[in-house]
């Protein structure tokens, strides 16, 4: 280990993985927007149907059906996502903390050694980092838009603030998201 480097022996568990997956899916990629817009639109049509009950015989029934669909389909979407996360946790066997990868951050760049799969070590410069996101318990370091490394504060050899300061020292402000 170099003197000016930070090492993180990342242990992935179910809670860490789920927290990251929800962040990536719902906050970063904003996949909650479409189901929410769908629910709002159908709820508005449901309200219109309820207002038309005096003029149309089946308007109340149509209103209830639209409301059930407006709430039921987004609920099914989110439930399906949670079930997929559970299946992925079982497939990766991470119900309990499991060594995932070993990350070294230095002035030269980032080096990642994967413990879960037989891969050659990955090294890349800070210029090749897509973005860094600071959360309350970890930093998510995105090498590309679709590939991220979870850097939990509990596994780092330094505090979360120091870990974030290291990223901030090497990345431009537009790549930092606190």
N, C-alpha and C. Protein backbone atom coordinates (compact mmCIF):
# COMPACT_ATOMS: atom_id res chain seq x y z
N UNK A 1 0.84 -1.18 0.00
CA UNK A 1 0.00 0.00 0.00
C UNK A 1 0.88 1.24 0.00
N UNK A 2 0.59 2.17 -0.89
CA UNK A 2 1.33 3.41 -0.94
C UNK A 2 0.94 4.29 0.24
N UNK A 3 1.82 5.22 0.56
CA UNK A 3 1.57 6.10 1.70
C UNK A 3 0.35 6.99 1.49
N UNK A 4 0.16 7.48 0.28
CA UNK A 4 -0.94 8.40 -0.01
C UNK A 4 -2.14 7.72 -0.64
N UNK A 5 -2.33 6.47 -0.37
CA UNK A 5 -3.47 5.76 -0.97
C UNK A 5 -4.47 5.36 0.12
N UNK A 6 -5.67 5.13 -0.33
CA UNK A 6 -6.75 4.67 0.55
C UNK A 6 -7.15 3.29 0.07
N UNK A 7 -7.25 2.37 1.00
CA UNK A 7 -7.67 1.01 0.64
C UNK A 7 -9.03 0.70 1.24
N UNK A 8 -9.82 0.01 0.47
CA UNK A 8 -11.15 -0.39 0.92
C UNK A 8 -11.34 -1.85 0.54
N UNK A 9 -11.44 -2.69 1.54
CA UNK A 9 -11.74 -4.10 1.32
C UNK A 9 -13.25 -4.24 1.44
N UNK A 10 -13.94 -4.10 0.33
CA UNK A 10 -15.39 -3.98 0.31
C UNK A 10 -16.06 -5.31 0.62
N UNK A 11 -16.93 -5.27 1.62
CA UNK A 11 -17.77 -6.41 2.00
C UNK A 11 -19.20 -6.05 1.60
N UNK A 12 -19.79 -6.82 0.71
CA UNK A 12 -21.15 -6.55 0.27
C UNK A 12 -22.11 -7.47 1.03
N UNK A 13 -23.16 -6.87 1.56
CA UNK A 13 -24.22 -7.64 2.19
C UNK A 13 -25.55 -7.21 1.58
N UNK A 14 -26.60 -7.85 2.00
CA UNK A 14 -27.91 -7.60 1.43
C UNK A 14 -28.33 -6.14 1.58
N UNK A 15 -28.15 -5.58 2.76
CA UNK A 15 -28.58 -4.21 3.01
C UNK A 15 -27.80 -3.21 2.16
N UNK A 16 -26.49 -3.38 2.07
CA UNK A 16 -25.65 -2.48 1.27
C UNK A 16 -26.03 -2.57 -0.20
N UNK A 17 -26.22 -3.78 -0.69
CA UNK A 17 -26.58 -3.99 -2.09
C UNK A 17 -27.95 -3.38 -2.39
N UNK A 18 -28.93 -3.62 -1.53
CA UNK A 18 -30.28 -3.09 -1.76
C UNK A 18 -30.28 -1.56 -1.73
N UNK A 19 -29.55 -0.98 -0.78
CA UNK A 19 -29.49 0.48 -0.68
C UNK A 19 -28.90 1.08 -1.96
N UNK A 20 -27.83 0.46 -2.46
CA UNK A 20 -27.23 0.95 -3.70
C UNK A 20 -28.18 0.77 -4.88
N UNK A 21 -28.80 -0.40 -4.99
CA UNK A 21 -29.68 -0.68 -6.12
C UNK A 21 -30.86 0.29 -6.16
N UNK A 22 -31.43 0.58 -5.00
CA UNK A 22 -32.54 1.55 -4.95
C UNK A 22 -32.07 2.95 -5.33
N UNK A 23 -30.89 3.34 -4.85
CA UNK A 23 -30.33 4.64 -5.23
C UNK A 23 -30.15 4.71 -6.74
N UNK A 24 -29.50 3.71 -7.30
CA UNK A 24 -29.20 3.70 -8.73
C UNK A 24 -30.48 3.70 -9.57
N UNK A 25 -31.45 2.90 -9.18
CA UNK A 25 -32.67 2.77 -9.97
C UNK A 25 -33.61 3.95 -9.79
N UNK A 26 -33.89 4.31 -8.55
CA UNK A 26 -34.93 5.31 -8.30
C UNK A 26 -34.41 6.75 -8.30
N UNK A 27 -33.27 7.00 -7.70
CA UNK A 27 -32.78 8.38 -7.63
C UNK A 27 -31.95 8.77 -8.85
N UNK A 28 -31.01 7.93 -9.20
CA UNK A 28 -30.11 8.28 -10.30
C UNK A 28 -30.78 8.12 -11.66
N UNK A 29 -31.42 7.00 -11.88
CA UNK A 29 -32.04 6.74 -13.19
C UNK A 29 -33.51 7.16 -13.24
N UNK A 30 -34.04 7.57 -12.10
CA UNK A 30 -35.40 8.12 -11.98
C UNK A 30 -36.47 7.19 -12.55
N UNK A 31 -36.35 5.91 -12.24
CA UNK A 31 -37.30 4.94 -12.77
C UNK A 31 -38.64 4.96 -12.02
N UNK A 32 -38.78 5.82 -11.04
CA UNK A 32 -40.05 5.95 -10.34
C UNK A 32 -40.99 6.91 -11.08
N UNK A 33 -40.45 7.73 -11.99
CA UNK A 33 -41.24 8.78 -12.62
C UNK A 33 -42.37 8.22 -13.48
N UNK A 34 -42.09 7.26 -14.34
CA UNK A 34 -43.13 6.72 -15.23
C UNK A 34 -44.29 6.10 -14.45
N UNK A 35 -44.04 5.24 -13.44
CA UNK A 35 -45.18 4.72 -12.68
C UNK A 35 -45.96 5.82 -11.95
N UNK A 36 -45.25 6.84 -11.47
CA UNK A 36 -45.94 7.93 -10.77
C UNK A 36 -46.80 8.74 -11.72
N UNK A 37 -46.29 9.05 -12.90
CA UNK A 37 -47.07 9.79 -13.90
C UNK A 37 -48.29 8.96 -14.32
N UNK A 38 -48.08 7.68 -14.54
CA UNK A 38 -49.18 6.78 -14.89
C UNK A 38 -50.26 6.82 -13.82
N UNK A 39 -49.86 6.74 -12.55
CA UNK A 39 -50.82 6.74 -11.44
C UNK A 39 -51.59 8.06 -11.37
N UNK A 40 -50.89 9.16 -11.59
CA UNK A 40 -51.55 10.47 -11.54
C UNK A 40 -52.57 10.60 -12.67
N UNK A 41 -52.16 10.23 -13.88
CA UNK A 41 -53.07 10.37 -15.03
C UNK A 41 -54.32 9.52 -14.84
N UNK A 42 -54.13 8.26 -14.47
CA UNK A 42 -55.31 7.42 -14.29
C UNK A 42 -56.16 7.85 -13.09
N UNK A 43 -55.53 8.40 -12.07
CA UNK A 43 -56.29 8.91 -10.93
C UNK A 43 -57.15 10.11 -11.33
N UNK A 44 -56.62 10.96 -12.19
CA UNK A 44 -57.39 12.10 -12.69
C UNK A 44 -58.59 11.60 -13.48
N UNK A 45 -58.38 10.62 -14.37
CA UNK A 45 -59.50 10.06 -15.12
C UNK A 45 -60.51 9.39 -14.19
N UNK A 46 -60.01 8.79 -13.12
CA UNK A 46 -60.90 8.18 -12.14
C UNK A 46 -61.77 9.25 -11.47
N UNK A 47 -61.17 10.37 -11.11
CA UNK A 47 -61.93 11.47 -10.51
C UNK A 47 -62.98 12.00 -11.47
N UNK A 48 -62.62 12.13 -12.74
CA UNK A 48 -63.58 12.59 -13.75
C UNK A 48 -64.75 11.60 -13.83
N UNK A 49 -64.44 10.32 -13.80
CA UNK A 49 -65.51 9.31 -13.85
C UNK A 49 -66.41 9.42 -12.63
N UNK A 50 -65.84 9.65 -11.46
CA UNK A 50 -66.66 9.79 -10.25
C UNK A 50 -67.55 11.04 -10.34
N UNK A 51 -67.04 12.10 -10.94
CA UNK A 51 -67.84 13.32 -11.10
C UNK A 51 -68.98 13.13 -12.10
N UNK A 52 -68.84 12.17 -12.98
CA UNK A 52 -69.85 11.91 -14.01
C UNK A 52 -70.91 10.89 -13.57
N UNK A 53 -70.89 10.47 -12.30
CA UNK A 53 -71.84 9.44 -11.84
C UNK A 53 -73.29 9.83 -12.05
N UNK A 54 -73.61 11.11 -11.91
CA UNK A 54 -75.01 11.54 -12.06
C UNK A 54 -75.46 11.48 -13.52
N UNK A 55 -74.52 11.58 -14.44
CA UNK A 55 -74.87 11.62 -15.86
C UNK A 55 -74.73 10.27 -16.57
N UNK A 56 -73.84 9.42 -16.07
CA UNK A 56 -73.61 8.14 -16.73
C UNK A 56 -73.81 7.01 -15.72
N UNK A 57 -74.50 5.98 -16.17
CA UNK A 57 -74.90 4.89 -15.28
C UNK A 57 -73.71 4.11 -14.69
N UNK A 58 -72.72 3.82 -15.49
CA UNK A 58 -71.59 3.00 -15.06
C UNK A 58 -70.35 3.84 -14.67
N UNK A 59 -70.50 5.12 -14.53
CA UNK A 59 -69.34 5.99 -14.26
C UNK A 59 -68.66 5.64 -12.93
N UNK A 60 -69.44 5.30 -11.93
CA UNK A 60 -68.85 4.94 -10.64
C UNK A 60 -67.99 3.68 -10.74
N UNK A 61 -68.48 2.69 -11.44
CA UNK A 61 -67.73 1.45 -11.65
C UNK A 61 -66.44 1.72 -12.43
N UNK A 62 -66.54 2.51 -13.48
CA UNK A 62 -65.36 2.87 -14.27
C UNK A 62 -64.37 3.64 -13.41
N UNK A 63 -64.87 4.54 -12.57
CA UNK A 63 -64.00 5.30 -11.67
C UNK A 63 -63.23 4.39 -10.74
N UNK A 64 -63.92 3.40 -10.15
CA UNK A 64 -63.24 2.47 -9.25
C UNK A 64 -62.22 1.61 -10.00
N UNK A 65 -62.58 1.15 -11.19
CA UNK A 65 -61.64 0.35 -11.98
C UNK A 65 -60.39 1.16 -12.33
N UNK A 66 -60.58 2.40 -12.76
CA UNK A 66 -59.43 3.24 -13.09
C UNK A 66 -58.56 3.50 -11.86
N UNK A 67 -59.20 3.70 -10.70
CA UNK A 67 -58.43 3.95 -9.48
C UNK A 67 -57.65 2.70 -9.06
N UNK A 68 -58.26 1.54 -9.17
CA UNK A 68 -57.56 0.29 -8.84
C UNK A 68 -56.38 0.08 -9.76
N UNK A 69 -56.56 0.33 -11.05
CA UNK A 69 -55.46 0.19 -12.00
C UNK A 69 -54.39 1.25 -11.73
N UNK A 70 -54.82 2.48 -11.44
CA UNK A 70 -53.88 3.58 -11.19
C UNK A 70 -52.96 3.28 -10.00
N UNK A 71 -53.49 2.63 -9.00
CA UNK A 71 -52.68 2.31 -7.81
C UNK A 71 -52.05 0.92 -7.90
N UNK A 72 -52.76 -0.01 -8.53
CA UNK A 72 -52.30 -1.40 -8.56
C UNK A 72 -51.11 -1.65 -9.46
N UNK A 73 -51.10 -1.09 -10.66
CA UNK A 73 -49.98 -1.35 -11.57
C UNK A 73 -48.66 -0.77 -11.06
N UNK A 74 -48.63 0.47 -10.59
CA UNK A 74 -47.35 0.95 -10.00
C UNK A 74 -46.93 0.14 -8.77
N UNK A 75 -47.90 -0.26 -7.95
CA UNK A 75 -47.55 -1.08 -6.80
C UNK A 75 -46.95 -2.41 -7.25
N UNK A 76 -47.52 -3.00 -8.29
CA UNK A 76 -46.98 -4.25 -8.83
C UNK A 76 -45.58 -4.04 -9.39
N UNK A 77 -45.36 -2.90 -10.04
CA UNK A 77 -44.04 -2.57 -10.59
C UNK A 77 -42.98 -2.52 -9.47
N UNK A 78 -43.29 -1.79 -8.39
CA UNK A 78 -42.34 -1.67 -7.29
C UNK A 78 -42.16 -2.99 -6.54
N UNK A 79 -43.22 -3.75 -6.38
CA UNK A 79 -43.12 -5.05 -5.74
C UNK A 79 -42.27 -5.99 -6.58
N UNK A 80 -42.46 -5.99 -7.88
CA UNK A 80 -41.66 -6.83 -8.77
C UNK A 80 -40.18 -6.46 -8.65
N UNK A 81 -39.87 -5.18 -8.58
CA UNK A 81 -38.48 -4.75 -8.44
C UNK A 81 -37.88 -5.27 -7.13
N UNK A 82 -38.63 -5.17 -6.05
CA UNK A 82 -38.15 -5.66 -4.76
C UNK A 82 -37.94 -7.17 -4.78
N UNK A 83 -38.82 -7.88 -5.44
CA UNK A 83 -38.65 -9.33 -5.55
C UNK A 83 -37.42 -9.67 -6.38
N UNK A 84 -37.16 -8.90 -7.44
CA UNK A 84 -35.95 -9.10 -8.23
C UNK A 84 -34.70 -8.86 -7.40
N UNK A 85 -34.73 -7.84 -6.55
CA UNK A 85 -33.59 -7.58 -5.66
C UNK A 85 -33.35 -8.77 -4.74
N UNK A 86 -34.43 -9.30 -4.18
CA UNK A 86 -34.31 -10.47 -3.31
C UNK A 86 -33.71 -11.67 -4.03
N UNK A 87 -34.14 -11.89 -5.26
CA UNK A 87 -33.60 -13.00 -6.05
C UNK A 87 -32.12 -12.77 -6.35
N UNK A 88 -31.75 -11.53 -6.62
CA UNK A 88 -30.34 -11.24 -6.91
C UNK A 88 -29.48 -11.41 -5.65
N UNK A 89 -30.01 -11.04 -4.50
CA UNK A 89 -29.30 -11.25 -3.24
C UNK A 89 -29.05 -12.74 -3.01
N UNK A 90 -30.05 -13.56 -3.26
CA UNK A 90 -29.89 -15.02 -3.11
C UNK A 90 -28.90 -15.57 -4.13
N UNK A 91 -28.98 -15.09 -5.37
CA UNK A 91 -28.08 -15.59 -6.43
C UNK A 91 -26.63 -15.22 -6.13
N UNK A 92 -26.40 -14.02 -5.61
CA UNK A 92 -25.05 -13.58 -5.28
C UNK A 92 -24.58 -14.09 -3.92
N UNK A 93 -25.50 -14.70 -3.16
CA UNK A 93 -25.20 -15.23 -1.83
C UNK A 93 -24.60 -14.16 -0.92
N UNK A 94 -25.34 -13.05 -0.80
CA UNK A 94 -24.85 -11.93 0.02
C UNK A 94 -25.81 -11.58 1.15
N UNK A 95 -26.52 -12.58 1.66
CA UNK A 95 -27.38 -12.31 2.82
C UNK A 95 -26.54 -11.84 4.00
N UNK A 96 -25.36 -12.43 4.13
CA UNK A 96 -24.38 -12.00 5.14
C UNK A 96 -23.23 -11.33 4.41
N UNK A 97 -22.47 -10.46 5.08
CA UNK A 97 -21.35 -9.78 4.39
C UNK A 97 -20.40 -10.78 3.73
N UNK A 98 -20.03 -10.43 2.50
CA UNK A 98 -19.16 -11.29 1.71
C UNK A 98 -18.12 -10.41 1.01
N UNK A 99 -16.85 -10.82 1.02
CA UNK A 99 -15.83 -10.02 0.31
C UNK A 99 -16.19 -9.88 -1.17
N UNK A 100 -16.24 -8.65 -1.64
CA UNK A 100 -16.64 -8.41 -3.03
C UNK A 100 -15.46 -7.97 -3.88
N UNK A 101 -14.80 -6.90 -3.46
CA UNK A 101 -13.65 -6.41 -4.21
C UNK A 101 -12.78 -5.56 -3.30
N UNK A 102 -11.57 -5.37 -3.74
CA UNK A 102 -10.55 -4.62 -3.02
C UNK A 102 -10.23 -3.38 -3.86
N UNK A 103 -10.47 -2.19 -3.33
CA UNK A 103 -10.28 -0.95 -4.08
C UNK A 103 -9.14 -0.15 -3.46
N UNK A 104 -8.27 0.36 -4.32
CA UNK A 104 -7.21 1.26 -3.89
C UNK A 104 -7.36 2.57 -4.64
N UNK A 105 -7.48 3.66 -3.89
CA UNK A 105 -7.56 5.00 -4.46
C UNK A 105 -6.23 5.69 -4.21
N UNK A 106 -5.62 6.18 -5.27
CA UNK A 106 -4.33 6.87 -5.13
C UNK A 106 -4.30 8.05 -6.10
N UNK A 107 -3.23 8.81 -6.07
CA UNK A 107 -3.09 9.93 -7.00
C UNK A 107 -3.07 9.44 -8.44
N UNK A 108 -2.57 8.24 -8.66
CA UNK A 108 -2.48 7.68 -10.01
C UNK A 108 -3.84 7.26 -10.55
N UNK A 109 -4.78 6.95 -9.69
CA UNK A 109 -6.11 6.52 -10.13
C UNK A 109 -6.73 5.51 -9.20
N UNK A 110 -7.55 4.64 -9.76
CA UNK A 110 -8.31 3.66 -9.00
C UNK A 110 -7.94 2.26 -9.49
N UNK A 111 -7.74 1.36 -8.55
CA UNK A 111 -7.45 -0.04 -8.88
C UNK A 111 -8.46 -0.90 -8.13
N UNK A 112 -9.07 -1.83 -8.88
CA UNK A 112 -10.10 -2.70 -8.31
C UNK A 112 -9.73 -4.15 -8.59
N UNK A 113 -9.70 -4.93 -7.53
CA UNK A 113 -9.47 -6.37 -7.64
C UNK A 113 -10.76 -7.05 -7.19
N UNK A 114 -11.39 -7.78 -8.10
CA UNK A 114 -12.67 -8.42 -7.84
C UNK A 114 -12.46 -9.75 -7.12
N UNK A 115 -13.10 -9.91 -5.96
CA UNK A 115 -13.02 -11.16 -5.19
C UNK A 115 -14.16 -12.12 -5.53
N UNK A 116 -15.22 -11.63 -6.16
CA UNK A 116 -16.39 -12.46 -6.42
C UNK A 116 -16.32 -13.18 -7.76
N UNK A 117 -15.54 -12.67 -8.69
CA UNK A 117 -15.44 -13.28 -10.01
C UNK A 117 -13.98 -13.30 -10.44
N UNK A 118 -13.66 -14.26 -11.26
CA UNK A 118 -12.30 -14.37 -11.78
C UNK A 118 -12.11 -13.35 -12.90
N UNK A 119 -11.64 -12.18 -12.54
CA UNK A 119 -11.39 -11.11 -13.50
C UNK A 119 -10.00 -10.57 -13.25
N UNK A 120 -9.41 -10.05 -14.30
CA UNK A 120 -8.13 -9.37 -14.13
C UNK A 120 -8.38 -8.08 -13.36
N UNK A 121 -7.42 -7.64 -12.55
CA UNK A 121 -7.59 -6.37 -11.85
C UNK A 121 -7.87 -5.24 -12.83
N UNK A 122 -8.71 -4.32 -12.42
CA UNK A 122 -9.11 -3.19 -13.25
C UNK A 122 -8.45 -1.93 -12.70
N UNK A 123 -7.72 -1.23 -13.54
CA UNK A 123 -7.09 0.03 -13.15
C UNK A 123 -7.53 1.10 -14.12
N UNK A 124 -7.88 2.27 -13.59
CA UNK A 124 -8.26 3.38 -14.44
C UNK A 124 -7.89 4.69 -13.75
N UNK A 125 -7.65 5.70 -14.56
CA UNK A 125 -7.26 7.01 -14.03
C UNK A 125 -8.49 7.76 -13.54
N UNK A 126 -8.27 8.82 -12.82
CA UNK A 126 -9.38 9.63 -12.32
C UNK A 126 -10.14 10.28 -13.47
N UNK A 127 -9.48 10.53 -14.58
CA UNK A 127 -10.15 11.11 -15.75
C UNK A 127 -11.20 10.17 -16.32
N UNK A 128 -11.04 8.88 -16.08
CA UNK A 128 -11.96 7.88 -16.60
C UNK A 128 -13.14 7.61 -15.66
N UNK A 129 -13.19 8.28 -14.52
CA UNK A 129 -14.31 8.11 -13.59
C UNK A 129 -15.49 8.92 -14.12
N UNK A 130 -16.63 8.27 -14.22
CA UNK A 130 -17.84 8.93 -14.74
C UNK A 130 -18.43 9.89 -13.70
N UNK A 131 -18.53 9.43 -12.44
CA UNK A 131 -19.12 10.26 -11.38
C UNK A 131 -18.88 9.62 -10.02
N UNK A 132 -19.02 10.43 -8.99
CA UNK A 132 -18.97 9.95 -7.61
C UNK A 132 -20.17 10.52 -6.87
N UNK A 133 -20.87 9.65 -6.14
CA UNK A 133 -22.05 10.06 -5.39
C UNK A 133 -21.81 9.76 -3.92
N UNK A 134 -21.97 10.77 -3.09
CA UNK A 134 -21.80 10.58 -1.65
C UNK A 134 -23.17 10.33 -1.03
N UNK A 135 -23.25 9.27 -0.26
CA UNK A 135 -24.45 8.94 0.50
C UNK A 135 -24.09 8.97 1.98
N UNK A 136 -25.04 8.69 2.84
CA UNK A 136 -24.78 8.80 4.28
C UNK A 136 -23.83 7.73 4.79
N UNK A 137 -23.72 6.61 4.10
CA UNK A 137 -22.90 5.50 4.58
C UNK A 137 -21.86 5.02 3.60
N UNK A 138 -21.82 5.61 2.39
CA UNK A 138 -20.91 5.11 1.37
C UNK A 138 -20.70 6.15 0.27
N UNK A 139 -19.70 5.89 -0.53
CA UNK A 139 -19.50 6.64 -1.77
C UNK A 139 -19.69 5.64 -2.90
N UNK A 140 -20.47 6.03 -3.90
CA UNK A 140 -20.67 5.21 -5.08
C UNK A 140 -19.82 5.81 -6.19
N UNK A 141 -18.81 5.07 -6.58
CA UNK A 141 -17.86 5.54 -7.59
C UNK A 141 -18.21 4.87 -8.92
N UNK A 142 -18.72 5.67 -9.85
CA UNK A 142 -19.12 5.15 -11.15
C UNK A 142 -17.95 5.24 -12.12
N UNK A 143 -17.47 4.07 -12.54
CA UNK A 143 -16.41 4.02 -13.55
C UNK A 143 -17.00 4.39 -14.91
N UNK A 144 -18.15 3.83 -15.22
CA UNK A 144 -18.91 4.20 -16.41
C UNK A 144 -20.32 4.51 -15.94
N UNK A 145 -21.17 4.91 -16.87
CA UNK A 145 -22.54 5.24 -16.50
C UNK A 145 -23.28 4.04 -15.93
N UNK A 146 -22.88 2.83 -16.33
CA UNK A 146 -23.59 1.63 -15.89
C UNK A 146 -22.77 0.72 -14.97
N UNK A 147 -21.56 1.12 -14.62
CA UNK A 147 -20.74 0.28 -13.73
C UNK A 147 -20.23 1.12 -12.57
N UNK A 148 -20.65 0.70 -11.37
CA UNK A 148 -20.29 1.45 -10.18
C UNK A 148 -19.63 0.53 -9.16
N UNK A 149 -18.85 1.15 -8.30
CA UNK A 149 -18.24 0.46 -7.18
C UNK A 149 -18.75 1.10 -5.90
N UNK A 150 -19.27 0.27 -5.02
CA UNK A 150 -19.77 0.74 -3.73
C UNK A 150 -18.58 0.80 -2.79
N UNK A 151 -18.36 1.95 -2.18
CA UNK A 151 -17.26 2.11 -1.23
C UNK A 151 -17.86 2.44 0.14
N UNK A 152 -18.25 1.41 0.90
CA UNK A 152 -18.85 1.65 2.22
C UNK A 152 -17.85 2.26 3.19
N UNK A 153 -18.29 3.22 3.95
CA UNK A 153 -17.41 3.88 4.93
C UNK A 153 -16.91 2.87 5.97
N UNK A 154 -17.74 1.90 6.31
CA UNK A 154 -17.35 0.94 7.35
C UNK A 154 -16.16 0.08 6.93
N UNK A 155 -15.94 -0.07 5.61
CA UNK A 155 -14.86 -0.92 5.11
C UNK A 155 -13.60 -0.15 4.76
N UNK A 156 -13.68 1.17 4.76
CA UNK A 156 -12.53 1.98 4.35
C UNK A 156 -11.54 2.14 5.50
N UNK A 157 -10.29 2.40 5.12
CA UNK A 157 -9.25 2.61 6.13
C UNK A 157 -9.26 4.05 6.66
N UNK A 158 -10.20 4.86 6.13
CA UNK A 158 -10.35 6.26 6.56
C UNK A 158 -11.83 6.56 6.75
N UNK A 159 -12.13 7.75 7.22
CA UNK A 159 -13.52 8.15 7.42
C UNK A 159 -14.20 8.44 6.08
N UNK A 160 -15.52 8.52 6.11
CA UNK A 160 -16.28 8.83 4.90
C UNK A 160 -15.90 10.22 4.38
N UNK A 161 -15.70 11.16 5.28
CA UNK A 161 -15.31 12.52 4.87
C UNK A 161 -13.97 12.51 4.15
N UNK A 162 -13.01 11.76 4.65
CA UNK A 162 -11.70 11.67 4.00
C UNK A 162 -11.81 10.97 2.66
N UNK A 163 -12.62 9.95 2.60
CA UNK A 163 -12.86 9.23 1.34
C UNK A 163 -13.45 10.18 0.30
N UNK A 164 -14.44 10.97 0.71
CA UNK A 164 -15.07 11.92 -0.20
C UNK A 164 -14.08 13.03 -0.60
N UNK A 165 -13.29 13.50 0.35
CA UNK A 165 -12.29 14.54 0.05
C UNK A 165 -11.28 14.03 -0.98
N UNK A 166 -10.93 12.76 -0.91
CA UNK A 166 -10.01 12.19 -1.90
C UNK A 166 -10.64 12.20 -3.28
N UNK A 167 -11.89 11.81 -3.37
CA UNK A 167 -12.59 11.87 -4.66
C UNK A 167 -12.68 13.31 -5.15
N UNK A 168 -13.01 14.22 -4.25
CA UNK A 168 -13.15 15.64 -4.62
C UNK A 168 -11.83 16.24 -5.08
N UNK A 169 -10.72 15.76 -4.54
CA UNK A 169 -9.41 16.28 -4.93
C UNK A 169 -9.01 15.84 -6.33
N UNK A 170 -9.59 14.75 -6.81
CA UNK A 170 -9.19 14.20 -8.11
C UNK A 170 -10.23 14.35 -9.21
N UNK A 171 -11.45 14.74 -8.85
CA UNK A 171 -12.52 14.83 -9.83
C UNK A 171 -13.01 16.27 -9.97
N UNK A 172 -13.42 16.67 -11.16
CA UNK A 172 -14.00 17.99 -11.31
C UNK A 172 -15.36 18.08 -10.62
N UNK A 173 -15.79 19.28 -10.31
CA UNK A 173 -17.02 19.49 -9.55
C UNK A 173 -18.24 18.89 -10.23
N UNK A 174 -18.28 18.88 -11.56
CA UNK A 174 -19.48 18.36 -12.25
C UNK A 174 -19.60 16.85 -12.16
N UNK A 175 -18.57 16.17 -11.68
CA UNK A 175 -18.63 14.71 -11.50
C UNK A 175 -18.90 14.33 -10.04
N UNK A 176 -18.98 15.33 -9.16
CA UNK A 176 -19.20 15.08 -7.73
C UNK A 176 -20.66 15.40 -7.39
N UNK A 177 -21.31 14.45 -6.71
CA UNK A 177 -22.71 14.63 -6.34
C UNK A 177 -22.87 14.23 -4.88
N UNK A 178 -22.96 15.22 -4.03
CA UNK A 178 -23.07 14.94 -2.59
C UNK A 178 -24.51 14.89 -2.17
